[in-house]
PDB file of N, CA and C in Angstrom:
ATOM      1  N   UNK A   1      99.054  98.321  52.896  1.00  0.00           N
ATOM      2  CA  UNK A   1      98.202  97.514  53.745  1.00  0.00           C
ATOM      3  C   UNK A   1      96.765  97.759  53.352  1.00  0.00           C
ATOM      4  N   UNK A   2      95.980  96.712  53.307  1.00  0.00           N
ATOM      5  CA  UNK A   2      94.558  96.835  52.981  1.00  0.00           C
ATOM      6  C   UNK A   2      93.869  97.588  54.082  1.00  0.00           C
ATOM      7  N   UNK A   3      92.833  98.301  53.682  1.00  0.00           N
ATOM      8  CA  UNK A   3      92.043  99.055  54.655  1.00  0.00           C
ATOM      9  C   UNK A   3      91.370  98.150  55.701  1.00  0.00           C
ATOM     10  N   UNK A   4      90.938  97.012  55.267  1.00  0.00           N
ATOM     11  CA  UNK A   4      90.284  96.020  56.147  1.00  0.00           C
ATOM     12  C   UNK A   4      91.271  95.559  57.222  1.00  0.00           C
ATOM     13  N   UNK A   5      92.474  95.259  56.795  1.00  0.00           N
ATOM     14  CA  UNK A   5      93.488  94.804  57.758  1.00  0.00           C
ATOM     15  C   UNK A   5      93.875  95.949  58.757  1.00  0.00           C
ATOM     16  N   UNK A   6      93.956  97.135  58.244  1.00  0.00           N
ATOM     17  CA  UNK A   6      94.275  98.285  59.105  1.00  0.00           C
ATOM     18  C   UNK A   6      93.125  98.501  60.115  1.00  0.00           C
ATOM     19  N   UNK A   7      91.909  98.364  59.658  1.00  0.00           N
ATOM     20  CA  UNK A   7      90.776  98.545  60.571  1.00  0.00           C
ATOM     21  C   UNK A   7      90.755  97.429  61.655  1.00  0.00           C
ATOM     22  N   UNK A   8      91.059  96.207  61.233  1.00  0.00           N
ATOM     23  CA  UNK A   8      91.159  95.102  62.222  1.00  0.00           C
ATOM     24  C   UNK A   8      92.212  95.420  63.287  1.00  0.00           C
ATOM     25  N   UNK A   9      93.342  95.838  62.859  1.00  0.00           N
ATOM     26  CA  UNK A   9      94.448  96.126  63.776  1.00  0.00           C
ATOM     27  C   UNK A   9      94.088  97.236  64.752  1.00  0.00           C
ATOM     28  N   UNK A  10      93.477  98.305  64.219  1.00  0.00           N
ATOM     29  CA  UNK A  10      93.071  99.438  65.052  1.00  0.00           C
ATOM     30  C   UNK A  10      92.029  98.983  66.088  1.00  0.00           C
ATOM     31  N   UNK A  11      91.043  98.185  65.651  1.00  0.00           N
ATOM     32  CA  UNK A  11      90.012  97.724  66.585  1.00  0.00           C
ATOM     33  C   UNK A  11      90.568  96.779  67.612  1.00  0.00           C
ATOM     34  N   UNK A  12      91.463  95.880  67.202  1.00  0.00           N
ATOM     35  CA  UNK A  12      92.082  94.945  68.152  1.00  0.00           C
ATOM     36  C   UNK A  12      92.883  95.670  69.218  1.00  0.00           C
ATOM     37  N   UNK A  13      93.712  96.639  68.775  1.00  0.00           N
ATOM     38  CA  UNK A  13      94.509  97.396  69.740  1.00  0.00           C
ATOM     39  C   UNK A  13      93.614  98.225  70.638  1.00  0.00           C
ATOM     40  N   UNK A  14      92.559  98.790  70.097  1.00  0.00           N
ATOM     41  CA  UNK A  14      91.617  99.562  70.911  1.00  0.00           C
ATOM     42  C   UNK A  14      90.950  98.673  71.960  1.00  0.00           C
ATOM     43  N   UNK A  15      90.587  97.449  71.560  1.00  0.00           N
ATOM     44  CA  UNK A  15      89.961  96.524  72.522  1.00  0.00           C
ATOM     45  C   UNK A  15      90.912  96.184  73.650  1.00  0.00           C
ATOM     46  N   UNK A  16      92.152  95.831  73.298  1.00  0.00           N
ATOM     47  CA  UNK A  16      93.169  95.532  74.326  1.00  0.00           C
ATOM     48  C   UNK A  16      93.447  96.752  75.226  1.00  0.00           C
ATOM     49  N   UNK A  17      93.483  97.912  74.629  1.00  0.00           N
ATOM     50  CA  UNK A  17      93.689  99.149  75.358  1.00  0.00           C
ATOM     51  C   UNK A  17      92.544  99.377  76.353  1.00  0.00           C
ATOM     52  N   UNK A  18      91.292  99.118  75.885  1.00  0.00           N
ATOM     53  CA  UNK A  18      90.125  99.282  76.742  1.00  0.00           C
ATOM     54  C   UNK A  18      90.153  98.281  77.904  1.00  0.00           C
ATOM     55  N   UNK A  19      90.659  97.066  77.656  1.00  0.00           N
ATOM     56  CA  UNK A  19      90.812  96.109  78.771  1.00  0.00           C
ATOM     57  C   UNK A  19      91.837  96.613  79.792  1.00  0.00           C
ATOM     58  N   UNK A  20      92.942  97.229  79.287  1.00  0.00           N
ATOM     59  CA  UNK A  20      93.902  97.800  80.166  1.00  0.00           C
ATOM     60  C   UNK A  20      93.309  98.927  80.980  1.00  0.00           C
ATOM     61  N   UNK A  21      92.523  99.757  80.363  1.00  0.00           N
ATOM     62  CA  UNK A  21      91.841 100.871  81.066  1.00  0.00           C
ATOM     63  C   UNK A  21      90.944 100.313  82.178  1.00  0.00           C
ATOM     64  N   UNK A  22      90.187  99.287  81.871  1.00  0.00           N
ATOM     65  CA  UNK A  22      89.314  98.651  82.864  1.00  0.00           C
ATOM     66  C   UNK A  22      90.133  98.091  84.035  1.00  0.00           C
ATOM     67  N   UNK A  23      91.225  97.451  83.754  1.00  0.00           N
ATOM     68  CA  UNK A  23      92.021  96.877  84.832  1.00  0.00           C
ATOM     69  C   UNK A  23      92.684  97.934  85.682  1.00  0.00           C
ATOM     70  N   UNK A  24      93.246  98.952  85.098  1.00  0.00           N
ATOM     71  CA  UNK A  24      93.860  99.996  85.892  1.00  0.00           C
ATOM     72  C   UNK A  24      92.799 100.795  86.680  1.00  0.00           C
ATOM     73  N   UNK A  25      91.631 101.002  86.078  1.00  0.00           N
ATOM     74  CA  UNK A  25      90.531 101.663  86.780  1.00  0.00           C
ATOM     75  C   UNK A  25      90.086 100.839  88.003  1.00  0.00           C
ATOM     76  N   UNK A  26      89.991  99.536  87.806  1.00  0.00           N
ATOM     77  CA  UNK A  26      89.600  98.659  88.906  1.00  0.00           C
ATOM     78  C   UNK A  26      90.654  98.707  90.036  1.00  0.00           C
ATOM     79  N   UNK A  27      91.876  98.655  89.668  1.00  0.00           N
ATOM     80  CA  UNK A  27      92.976  98.731  90.667  1.00  0.00           C
ATOM     81  C   UNK A  27      92.920 100.034  91.455  1.00  0.00           C
ATOM     82  N   UNK A  28      92.718 101.132  90.718  1.00  0.00           N
ATOM     83  CA  UNK A  28      92.669 102.442  91.410  1.00  0.00           C
ATOM     84  C   UNK A  28      91.438 102.635  92.244  1.00  0.00           C
ATOM     85  N   UNK A  29      90.309 102.039  91.871  1.00  0.00           N
ATOM     86  CA  UNK A  29      89.064 102.254  92.600  1.00  0.00           C
ATOM     87  C   UNK A  29      88.982 101.311  93.818  1.00  0.00           C
ATOM     88  N   UNK A  30      89.337 100.034  93.657  1.00  0.00           N
ATOM     89  CA  UNK A  30      89.086  99.094  94.678  1.00  0.00           C
ATOM     90  C   UNK A  30      90.304  98.605  95.448  1.00  0.00           C
ATOM     91  N   UNK A  31      91.471  98.616  94.837  1.00  0.00           N
ATOM     92  CA  UNK A  31      92.641  98.095  95.556  1.00  0.00           C
ATOM     93  C   UNK A  31      93.488  99.240  96.139  1.00  0.00           C
ATOM     94  N   UNK A  32      93.615 100.354  95.443  1.00  0.00           N
ATOM     95  CA  UNK A  32      94.356 101.501  95.915  1.00  0.00           C
ATOM     96  C   UNK A  32      93.490 102.766  95.898  1.00  0.00           C
ATOM     97  N   UNK A  33      92.348 102.778  96.551  1.00  0.00           N
ATOM     98  CA  UNK A  33      91.465 103.960  96.467  1.00  0.00           C
ATOM     99  C   UNK A  33      92.057 105.128  97.232  1.00  0.00           C
ATOM    100  N   UNK A  34      91.635 106.341  96.850  1.00  0.00           N
ATOM    101  CA  UNK A  34      92.144 107.531  97.572  1.00  0.00           C
ATOM    102  C   UNK A  34      91.476 107.674  98.925  1.00  0.00           C
ATOM    103  N   UNK A  35      92.196 108.244  99.871  1.00  0.00           N
ATOM    104  CA  UNK A  35      91.590 108.577 101.159  1.00  0.00           C
ATOM    105  C   UNK A  35      91.394 107.448 102.125  1.00  0.00           C
ATOM    106  N   UNK A  36      91.985 106.307 101.838  1.00  0.00           N
ATOM    107  CA  UNK A  36      91.806 105.174 102.731  1.00  0.00           C
ATOM    108  C   UNK A  36      93.019 104.911 103.585  1.00  0.00           C
ATOM    109  N   UNK A  37      94.035 105.757 103.440  1.00  0.00           N
ATOM    110  CA  UNK A  37      95.245 105.554 104.174  1.00  0.00           C
ATOM    111  C   UNK A  37      95.991 104.289 103.807  1.00  0.00           C
ATOM    112  N   UNK A  38      95.720 103.841 102.580  1.00  0.00           N
ATOM    113  CA  UNK A  38      96.399 102.602 102.110  1.00  0.00           C
ATOM    114  C   UNK A  38      95.737 101.353 102.554  1.00  0.00           C
ATOM    115  N   UNK A  39      94.544 101.413 103.109  1.00  0.00           N
ATOM    116  CA  UNK A  39      93.915 100.170 103.619  1.00  0.00           C
ATOM    117  C   UNK A  39      92.988  99.514 102.562  1.00  0.00           C
ATOM    118  N   UNK A  40      92.767 100.139 101.448  1.00  0.00           N
ATOM    119  CA  UNK A  40      91.937  99.539 100.439  1.00  0.00           C
ATOM    120  C   UNK A  40      90.422  99.631 100.795  1.00  0.00           C
ATOM    121  N   UNK A  41      89.587  99.195  99.874  1.00  0.00           N
ATOM    122  CA  UNK A  41      88.138  99.288 100.133  1.00  0.00           C
ATOM    123  C   UNK A  41      87.493  98.123  99.388  1.00  0.00           C
ATOM    124  N   UNK A  42      86.499  97.603  99.946  1.00  0.00           N
ATOM    125  CA  UNK A  42      85.666  96.564  99.399  1.00  0.00           C
ATOM    126  C   UNK A  42      86.377  95.217  99.242  1.00  0.00           C
ATOM    127  N   UNK A  43      87.533  95.202  98.647  1.00  0.00           N
ATOM    128  CA  UNK A  43      88.272  93.966  98.463  1.00  0.00           C
ATOM    129  C   UNK A  43      89.310  93.801  99.524  1.00  0.00           C
ATOM    130  N   UNK A  44      89.269  94.610 100.519  1.00  0.00           N
ATOM    131  CA  UNK A  44      90.257  94.588 101.569  1.00  0.00           C
ATOM    132  C   UNK A  44      91.663  94.770 101.014  1.00  0.00           C
ATOM    133  N   UNK A  45      91.733  95.561  99.957  1.00  0.00           N
ATOM    134  CA  UNK A  45      93.038  95.832  99.366  1.00  0.00           C
ATOM    135  C   UNK A  45      93.661  94.621  98.677  1.00  0.00           C
ATOM    136  N   UNK A  46      92.825  93.638  98.421  1.00  0.00           N
ATOM    137  CA  UNK A  46      93.338  92.461  97.757  1.00  0.00           C
ATOM    138  C   UNK A  46      94.162  91.554  98.612  1.00  0.00           C
ATOM    139  N   UNK A  47      94.158  91.804  99.943  1.00  0.00           N
ATOM    140  CA  UNK A  47      95.018  91.003 100.827  1.00  0.00           C
ATOM    141  C   UNK A  47      94.211  90.010 101.663  1.00  0.00           C
ATOM    142  N   UNK A  48      92.919  89.979 101.489  1.00  0.00           N
ATOM    143  CA  UNK A  48      92.081  89.069 102.259  1.00  0.00           C
ATOM    144  C   UNK A  48      91.486  89.702 103.477  1.00  0.00           C
ATOM    145  N   UNK A  49      90.416  89.129 104.007  1.00  0.00           N
ATOM    146  CA  UNK A  49      89.677  89.734 105.111  1.00  0.00           C
ATOM    147  C   UNK A  49      90.461  89.692 106.433  1.00  0.00           C
ATOM    148  N   UNK A  50      91.408  88.779 106.578  1.00  0.00           N
ATOM    149  CA  UNK A  50      92.161  88.632 107.849  1.00  0.00           C
ATOM    150  C   UNK A  50      93.104  89.804 108.123  1.00  0.00           C
ATOM    151  N   UNK A  51      93.516  90.530 107.114  1.00  0.00           N
ATOM    152  CA  UNK A  51      94.501  91.610 107.289  1.00  0.00           C
ATOM    153  C   UNK A  51      93.840  92.969 107.075  1.00  0.00           C
ATOM    154  N   UNK A  52      92.784  93.251 107.799  1.00  0.00           N
ATOM    155  CA  UNK A  52      92.033  94.499 107.630  1.00  0.00           C
ATOM    156  C   UNK A  52      92.892  95.699 107.907  1.00  0.00           C
ATOM    157  N   UNK A  53      93.732  95.677 108.879  1.00  0.00           N
ATOM    158  CA  UNK A  53      94.508  96.825 109.239  1.00  0.00           C
ATOM    159  C   UNK A  53      95.800  97.036 108.416  1.00  0.00           C
ATOM    160  N   UNK A  54      96.088  96.087 107.525  1.00  0.00           N
ATOM    161  CA  UNK A  54      97.336  96.154 106.791  1.00  0.00           C
ATOM    162  C   UNK A  54      97.337  97.347 105.819  1.00  0.00           C
ATOM    163  N   UNK A  55      98.478  98.048 105.817  1.00  0.00           N
ATOM    164  CA  UNK A  55      98.609  99.204 104.918  1.00  0.00           C
ATOM    165  C   UNK A  55      98.997  98.757 103.504  1.00  0.00           C
ATOM    166  N   UNK A  56      98.289  99.277 102.523  1.00  0.00           N
ATOM    167  CA  UNK A  56      98.558  98.970 101.142  1.00  0.00           C
ATOM    168  C   UNK A  56      98.956 100.294 100.492  1.00  0.00           C
ATOM    169  N   UNK A  57     100.215 100.417 100.219  1.00  0.00           N
ATOM    170  CA  UNK A  57     100.733 101.647  99.585  1.00  0.00           C
ATOM    171  C   UNK A  57     101.037 101.438  98.114  1.00  0.00           C
ATOM    172  N   UNK A  58     101.225 100.178  97.734  1.00  0.00           N
ATOM    173  CA  UNK A  58     101.497  99.908  96.325  1.00  0.00           C
ATOM    174  C   UNK A  58     100.922  98.566  95.930  1.00  0.00           C
ATOM    175  N   UNK A  59     100.838  98.361  94.620  1.00  0.00           N
ATOM    176  CA  UNK A  59     100.314  97.118  94.069  1.00  0.00           C
ATOM    177  C   UNK A  59     101.206  96.773  92.892  1.00  0.00           C
ATOM    178  N   UNK A  60     101.810  95.615  92.872  1.00  0.00           N
ATOM    179  CA  UNK A  60     102.775  95.196  91.855  1.00  0.00           C
ATOM    180  C   UNK A  60     103.887  96.255  91.767  1.00  0.00           C
ATOM    181  N   UNK A  61     104.366  96.704  92.901  1.00  0.00           N
ATOM    182  CA  UNK A  61     105.455  97.643  93.041  1.00  0.00           C
ATOM    183  C   UNK A  61     105.171  99.026  92.434  1.00  0.00           C
ATOM    184  N   UNK A  62     103.934  99.393  92.274  1.00  0.00           N
ATOM    185  CA  UNK A  62     103.556 100.702  91.757  1.00  0.00           C
ATOM    186  C   UNK A  62     102.536 101.347  92.701  1.00  0.00           C
ATOM    187  N   UNK A  63     102.700 102.644  92.903  1.00  0.00           N
ATOM    188  CA  UNK A  63     101.757 103.386  93.762  1.00  0.00           C
ATOM    189  C   UNK A  63     100.509 103.724  92.971  1.00  0.00           C
ATOM    190  N   UNK A  64      99.510 104.281  93.688  1.00  0.00           N
ATOM    191  CA  UNK A  64      98.277 104.705  93.045  1.00  0.00           C
ATOM    192  C   UNK A  64      98.585 105.781  91.990  1.00  0.00           C
ATOM    193  N   UNK A  65      99.502 106.646  92.262  1.00  0.00           N
ATOM    194  CA  UNK A  65      99.870 107.692  91.334  1.00  0.00           C
ATOM    195  C   UNK A  65     100.449 107.122  90.052  1.00  0.00           C
ATOM    196  N   UNK A  66     101.286 106.130  90.187  1.00  0.00           N
ATOM    197  CA  UNK A  66     101.866 105.509  88.974  1.00  0.00           C
ATOM    198  C   UNK A  66     100.829 104.765  88.181  1.00  0.00           C
ATOM    199  N   UNK A  67      99.861 104.103  88.886  1.00  0.00           N
ATOM    200  CA  UNK A  67      98.775 103.475  88.143  1.00  0.00           C
ATOM    201  C   UNK A  67      97.908 104.504  87.456  1.00  0.00           C
ATOM    202  N   UNK A  68      97.745 105.656  88.079  1.00  0.00           N
ATOM    203  CA  UNK A  68      96.990 106.743  87.471  1.00  0.00           C
ATOM    204  C   UNK A  68      97.671 107.235  86.199  1.00  0.00           C
ATOM    205  N   UNK A  69      99.013 107.313  86.186  1.00  0.00           N
ATOM    206  CA  UNK A  69      99.736 107.704  85.017  1.00  0.00           C
ATOM    207  C   UNK A  69      99.526 106.717  83.838  1.00  0.00           C
ATOM    208  N   UNK A  70      99.585 105.433  84.184  1.00  0.00           N
ATOM    209  CA  UNK A  70      99.350 104.385  83.139  1.00  0.00           C
ATOM    210  C   UNK A  70      97.940 104.528  82.620  1.00  0.00           C
ATOM    211  N   UNK A  71      96.993 104.733  83.547  1.00  0.00           N
ATOM    212  CA  UNK A  71      95.567 104.846  83.184  1.00  0.00           C
ATOM    213  C   UNK A  71      95.379 106.076  82.238  1.00  0.00           C
ATOM    214  N   UNK A  72      96.041 107.166  82.515  1.00  0.00           N
ATOM    215  CA  UNK A  72      95.930 108.367  81.675  1.00  0.00           C
ATOM    216  C   UNK A  72      96.473 108.116  80.298  1.00  0.00           C
ATOM    217  N   UNK A  73      97.652 107.506  80.186  1.00  0.00           N
ATOM    218  CA  UNK A  73      98.239 107.265  78.875  1.00  0.00           C
ATOM    219  C   UNK A  73      97.427 106.241  78.048  1.00  0.00           C
ATOM    220  N   UNK A  74      96.874 105.226  78.748  1.00  0.00           N
ATOM    221  CA  UNK A  74      95.967 104.299  78.046  1.00  0.00           C
ATOM    222  C   UNK A  74      94.770 105.043  77.484  1.00  0.00           C
ATOM    223  N   UNK A  75      94.240 105.996  78.250  1.00  0.00           N
ATOM    224  CA  UNK A  75      93.104 106.762  77.842  1.00  0.00           C
ATOM    225  C   UNK A  75      93.431 107.641  76.596  1.00  0.00           C
ATOM    226  N   UNK A  76      94.625 108.242  76.581  1.00  0.00           N
ATOM    227  CA  UNK A  76      95.066 109.022  75.442  1.00  0.00           C
ATOM    228  C   UNK A  76      95.203 108.141  74.179  1.00  0.00           C
ATOM    229  N   UNK A  77      95.825 106.991  74.391  1.00  0.00           N
ATOM    230  CA  UNK A  77      95.946 106.055  73.236  1.00  0.00           C
ATOM    231  C   UNK A  77      94.583 105.640  72.733  1.00  0.00           C
ATOM    232  N   UNK A  78      93.684 105.360  73.631  1.00  0.00           N
ATOM    233  CA  UNK A  78      92.301 104.952  73.212  1.00  0.00           C
ATOM    234  C   UNK A  78      91.625 106.083  72.435  1.00  0.00           C
ATOM    235  N   UNK A  79      91.774 107.302  72.895  1.00  0.00           N
ATOM    236  CA  UNK A  79      91.138 108.438  72.190  1.00  0.00           C
ATOM    237  C   UNK A  79      91.752 108.570  70.768  1.00  0.00           C
ATOM    238  N   UNK A  80      93.048 108.430  70.642  1.00  0.00           N
ATOM    239  CA  UNK A  80      93.682 108.499  69.314  1.00  0.00           C
ATOM    240  C   UNK A  80      93.202 107.403  68.413  1.00  0.00           C
ATOM    241  N   UNK A  81      93.069 106.178  68.945  1.00  0.00           N
ATOM    242  CA  UNK A  81      92.603 105.040  68.199  1.00  0.00           C
ATOM    243  C   UNK A  81      91.142 105.263  67.737  1.00  0.00           C
ATOM    244  N   UNK A  82      90.348 105.859  68.580  1.00  0.00           N
ATOM    245  CA  UNK A  82      88.938 106.121  68.205  1.00  0.00           C
ATOM    246  C   UNK A  82      88.848 107.183  67.092  1.00  0.00           C
ATOM    247  N   UNK A  83      89.762 108.156  67.112  1.00  0.00           N
ATOM    248  CA  UNK A  83      89.807 109.141  66.027  1.00  0.00           C
ATOM    249  C   UNK A  83      90.210 108.473  64.723  1.00  0.00           C
ATOM    250  N   UNK A  84      91.195 107.577  64.777  1.00  0.00           N
ATOM    251  CA  UNK A  84      91.615 106.848  63.614  1.00  0.00           C
ATOM    252  C   UNK A  84      90.465 105.958  63.112  1.00  0.00           C
ATOM    253  N   UNK A  85      89.757 105.347  64.038  1.00  0.00           N
ATOM    254  CA  UNK A  85      88.621 104.467  63.678  1.00  0.00           C
ATOM    255  C   UNK A  85      87.509 105.299  62.961  1.00  0.00           C
ATOM    256  N   UNK A  86      87.246 106.487  63.476  1.00  0.00           N
ATOM    257  CA  UNK A  86      86.237 107.354  62.852  1.00  0.00           C
ATOM    258  C   UNK A  86      86.709 107.760  61.433  1.00  0.00           C
ATOM    259  N   UNK A  87      87.983 108.087  61.300  1.00  0.00           N
ATOM    260  CA  UNK A  87      88.529 108.471  59.970  1.00  0.00           C
ATOM    261  C   UNK A  87      88.372 107.290  59.019  1.00  0.00           C
ATOM    262  N   UNK A  88      88.667 106.092  59.462  1.00  0.00           N
ATOM    263  CA  UNK A  88      88.563 104.900  58.568  1.00  0.00           C
ATOM    264  C   UNK A  88      87.102 104.641  58.150  1.00  0.00           C
ATOM    265  N   UNK A  89      86.167 105.065  58.953  1.00  0.00           N
ATOM    266  CA  UNK A  89      84.741 104.816  58.653  1.00  0.00           C
ATOM    267  C   UNK A  89      83.997 106.071  58.251  1.00  0.00           C
ATOM    268  N   UNK A  90      84.720 107.126  57.892  1.00  0.00           N
ATOM    269  CA  UNK A  90      84.049 108.411  57.641  1.00  0.00           C
ATOM    270  C   UNK A  90      83.045 108.327  56.488  1.00  0.00           C
ATOM    271  N   UNK A  91      83.354 107.605  55.432  1.00  0.00           N
ATOM    272  CA  UNK A  91      82.435 107.531  54.304  1.00  0.00           C
ATOM    273  C   UNK A  91      81.141 106.808  54.733  1.00  0.00           C
ATOM    274  N   UNK A  92      81.234 105.788  55.557  1.00  0.00           N
ATOM    275  CA  UNK A  92      80.052 105.093  56.065  1.00  0.00           C
ATOM    276  C   UNK A  92      79.247 106.031  56.953  1.00  0.00           C
ATOM    277  N   UNK A  93      79.901 106.773  57.801  1.00  0.00           N
ATOM    278  CA  UNK A  93      79.235 107.743  58.722  1.00  0.00           C
ATOM    279  C   UNK A  93      78.444 108.777  57.881  1.00  0.00           C
ATOM    280  N   UNK A  94      79.079 109.334  56.858  1.00  0.00           N
ATOM    281  CA  UNK A  94      78.395 110.352  56.016  1.00  0.00           C
ATOM    282  C   UNK A  94      77.193 109.695  55.315  1.00  0.00           C
ATOM    283  N   UNK A  95      77.339 108.482  54.772  1.00  0.00           N
ATOM    284  CA  UNK A  95      76.251 107.823  54.078  1.00  0.00           C
ATOM    285  C   UNK A  95      75.111 107.507  55.032  1.00  0.00           C
ATOM    286  N   UNK A  96      75.410 107.109  56.277  1.00  0.00           N
ATOM    287  CA  UNK A  96      74.391 106.830  57.249  1.00  0.00           C
ATOM    288  C   UNK A  96      73.549 108.072  57.598  1.00  0.00           C
ATOM    289  N   UNK A  97      74.246 109.186  57.840  1.00  0.00           N
ATOM    290  CA  UNK A  97      73.542 110.387  58.188  1.00  0.00           C
ATOM    291  C   UNK A  97      72.730 110.945  57.015  1.00  0.00           C
ATOM    292  N   UNK A  98      73.254 110.762  55.779  1.00  0.00           N
ATOM    293  CA  UNK A  98      72.484 111.194  54.637  1.00  0.00           C
ATOM    294  C   UNK A  98      71.202 110.350  54.505  1.00  0.00           C
ATOM    295  N   UNK A  99      71.290 109.071  54.753  1.00  0.00           N
ATOM    296  CA  UNK A  99      70.086 108.215  54.647  1.00  0.00           C
ATOM    297  C   UNK A  99      69.156 108.514  55.834  1.00  0.00           C
ATOM    298  N   UNK A 100      69.709 108.857  56.969  1.00  0.00           N
ATOM    299  CA  UNK A 100      68.888 109.177  58.152  1.00  0.00           C
ATOM    300  C   UNK A 100      68.082 110.488  57.898  1.00  0.00           C
ATOM    301  N   UNK A 101      68.701 111.402  57.197  1.00  0.00           N
ATOM    302  CA  UNK A 101      68.034 112.694  56.923  1.00  0.00           C
ATOM    303  C   UNK A 101      67.161 112.646  55.657  1.00  0.00           C
ATOM    304  N   UNK A 102      67.142 111.499  54.974  1.00  0.00           N
ATOM    305  CA  UNK A 102      66.290 111.332  53.870  1.00  0.00           C
ATOM    306  C   UNK A 102      66.924 111.716  52.498  1.00  0.00           C
ATOM    307  N   UNK A 103      68.188 111.955  52.506  1.00  0.00           N
ATOM    308  CA  UNK A 103      68.905 112.217  51.239  1.00  0.00           C
ATOM    309  C   UNK A 103      69.357 110.926  50.641  1.00  0.00           C
ATOM    310  N   UNK A 104      69.356 110.870  49.358  1.00  0.00           N
ATOM    311  CA  UNK A 104      69.906 109.706  48.635  1.00  0.00           C
ATOM    312  C   UNK A 104      70.666 110.218  47.432  1.00  0.00           C
ATOM    313  N   UNK A 105      71.427 109.338  46.805  1.00  0.00           N
ATOM    314  CA  UNK A 105      72.204 109.743  45.645  1.00  0.00           C
ATOM    315  C   UNK A 105      71.277 110.253  44.486  1.00  0.00           C
ATOM    316  N   UNK A 106      70.120 109.607  44.358  1.00  0.00           N
ATOM    317  CA  UNK A 106      69.159 109.994  43.336  1.00  0.00           C
ATOM    318  C   UNK A 106      68.640 111.390  43.537  1.00  0.00           C
ATOM    319  N   UNK A 107      68.320 111.688  44.804  1.00  0.00           N
ATOM    320  CA  UNK A 107      67.786 113.057  45.060  1.00  0.00           C
ATOM    321  C   UNK A 107      68.835 114.110  44.913  1.00  0.00           C
ATOM    322  N   UNK A 108      70.047 113.784  45.302  1.00  0.00           N
ATOM    323  CA  UNK A 108      71.086 114.813  45.237  1.00  0.00           C
ATOM    324  C   UNK A 108      71.539 115.071  43.778  1.00  0.00           C
ATOM    325  N   UNK A 109      71.637 114.025  42.984  1.00  0.00           N
ATOM    326  CA  UNK A 109      72.128 114.182  41.617  1.00  0.00           C
ATOM    327  C   UNK A 109      71.038 114.718  40.659  1.00  0.00           C
ATOM    328  N   UNK A 110      69.765 114.567  40.979  1.00  0.00           N
ATOM    329  CA  UNK A 110      68.699 115.036  40.119  1.00  0.00           C
ATOM    330  C   UNK A 110      68.560 116.539  40.084  1.00  0.00           C
TER     331      UNK A 110
END
């Protein structure tokens, strides 16, 4: 597989993973927040303003703890993808820092 194609696949999966992280984070913060007794916060638990006292213990048949597990594994996958991304761009990173510090190929080889 070409390096360009591999980089595209890694970046695309990382982007989709980051969207998943944002969605699960939103669900855990606003729909199933801790310490509310299942009543939700700000969005009224996603049930509308008329049902303020309604208990929300799960969302899409998953509890806050299960959403937290998904959020954790998405974060681990994202970290691994970022390490792969850095490995794929390592030569560019080295060249950038060399130019930033004032080194060039001419100065090093002379």
